[in-house]
Amino acid sequence: MIHSTAGGKLKEYSYYDIAKVKYLDTEQVAFVLCPIKEVKENNLVEVENEFKAKVLRIDRNVYEQNFPIKINRLKKITKILSEN
């Protein structure tokens, strides 16, 4: 209630597709944003034009407020390298 009376605006949360990937050069596993709808499990993808990774899992329509990591901290998949 304080926000509305002070002229502030509450944040509007969104839904995102989030992929769990394993980077190819290391054993590191990470969550990344998946803006490309055609990405499937086991695809090789490029993350932020820097890293090659294999998609382990994709969670579709994840509500931003329910995800434990801030969305703006996640890297993005930029393209699909090969479909397996």
Protein backbone atom coordinates (compact mmCIF):
# COMPACT_ATOMS: atom_id res chain seq x y z
CA MET A 1 0.00 0.00 0.00
CA ILE A 2 2.88 2.36 0.66
CA HIS A 3 3.99 2.18 -2.96
CA SER A 4 0.66 3.27 -4.37
CA THR A 5 0.24 6.18 -1.98
CA ALA A 6 3.79 7.44 -2.59
CA GLY A 7 3.35 7.40 -6.37
CA GLY A 8 5.58 4.35 -6.85
CA LYS A 9 4.87 1.41 -9.07
CA LEU A 10 5.13 -2.27 -8.18
CA LYS A 11 7.29 -4.44 -10.42
CA GLU A 12 5.44 -6.49 -12.98
CA TYR A 13 6.95 -9.96 -13.23
CA SER A 14 7.23 -11.90 -16.50
CA TYR A 15 7.53 -15.48 -17.73
CA TYR A 16 10.74 -16.83 -19.31
CA ASP A 17 12.10 -20.01 -20.88
CA ILE A 18 15.17 -21.10 -18.94
CA ALA A 19 17.64 -23.78 -20.01
CA LYS A 20 20.07 -25.75 -17.90
CA VAL A 21 23.28 -26.17 -19.90
CA LYS A 22 26.66 -27.87 -19.49
CA TYR A 23 29.60 -25.95 -20.94
CA LEU A 24 31.65 -28.14 -23.28
CA ASP A 25 35.14 -27.11 -22.19
CA THR A 26 34.48 -27.54 -18.46
CA GLU A 27 32.28 -29.53 -16.11
CA GLN A 28 30.37 -26.36 -15.21
CA VAL A 29 26.58 -26.41 -15.33
CA ALA A 30 24.55 -23.18 -15.46
CA PHE A 31 21.07 -21.79 -16.03
CA VAL A 32 20.67 -19.46 -19.03
CA LEU A 33 17.80 -17.63 -20.70
CA CYS A 34 16.44 -19.39 -23.76
CA PRO A 35 14.88 -16.77 -26.08
CA ILE A 36 14.98 -19.15 -29.09
CA LYS A 37 11.82 -21.31 -29.05
CA GLU A 38 13.36 -23.99 -31.34
CA VAL A 39 15.99 -25.03 -28.77
CA LYS A 40 15.51 -28.60 -27.50
CA GLU A 41 17.27 -30.89 -25.06
CA ASN A 42 20.67 -32.19 -26.26
CA ASN A 43 21.14 -29.30 -28.73
CA LEU A 44 24.56 -27.71 -28.92
CA VAL A 45 24.15 -23.96 -28.46
CA GLU A 46 26.22 -20.84 -28.15
CA VAL A 47 25.84 -18.74 -25.01
CA GLU A 48 26.54 -14.99 -25.26
CA ASN A 49 28.63 -15.54 -28.44
CA GLU A 50 31.41 -16.87 -26.18
CA PHE A 51 30.69 -20.35 -24.87
CA LYS A 52 29.56 -23.60 -26.45
CA ALA A 53 27.23 -25.68 -24.35
CA LYS A 54 24.94 -28.70 -24.44
CA VAL A 55 21.32 -28.20 -23.33
CA LEU A 56 20.45 -30.58 -20.50
CA ARG A 57 16.93 -29.36 -19.75
CA ILE A 58 14.51 -26.59 -20.71
CA ASP A 59 11.88 -25.19 -18.37
CA ARG A 60 9.20 -23.29 -20.29
CA ASN A 61 7.16 -20.37 -18.95
CA VAL A 62 8.98 -19.98 -15.64
CA TYR A 63 7.52 -17.17 -13.54
CA GLU A 64 10.31 -14.70 -12.77
CA GLN A 65 9.38 -14.33 -9.11
CA ASN A 66 9.56 -18.12 -8.54
CA PHE A 67 13.06 -18.56 -9.99
CA PRO A 68 15.85 -18.44 -7.36
CA ILE A 69 18.28 -16.41 -9.51
CA LYS A 70 17.60 -12.86 -10.71
CA ILE A 71 16.73 -12.98 -14.41
CA ASN A 72 19.00 -10.03 -15.29
CA ARG A 73 22.01 -12.03 -14.00
CA LEU A 74 21.49 -14.91 -16.47
CA LYS A 75 23.35 -15.17 -19.77
CA LYS A 76 21.39 -15.85 -22.99
CA ILE A 77 21.53 -18.51 -25.66
CA THR A 78 22.38 -16.64 -28.87
CA LYS A 79 22.17 -19.43 -31.47
CA ILE A 80 21.78 -23.15 -32.09
CA LEU A 81 25.01 -24.79 -33.32
CA SER A 82 23.66 -28.25 -34.08
CA GLU A 83 20.57 -30.28 -33.44
CA ASN A 84 21.09 -33.79 -32.12
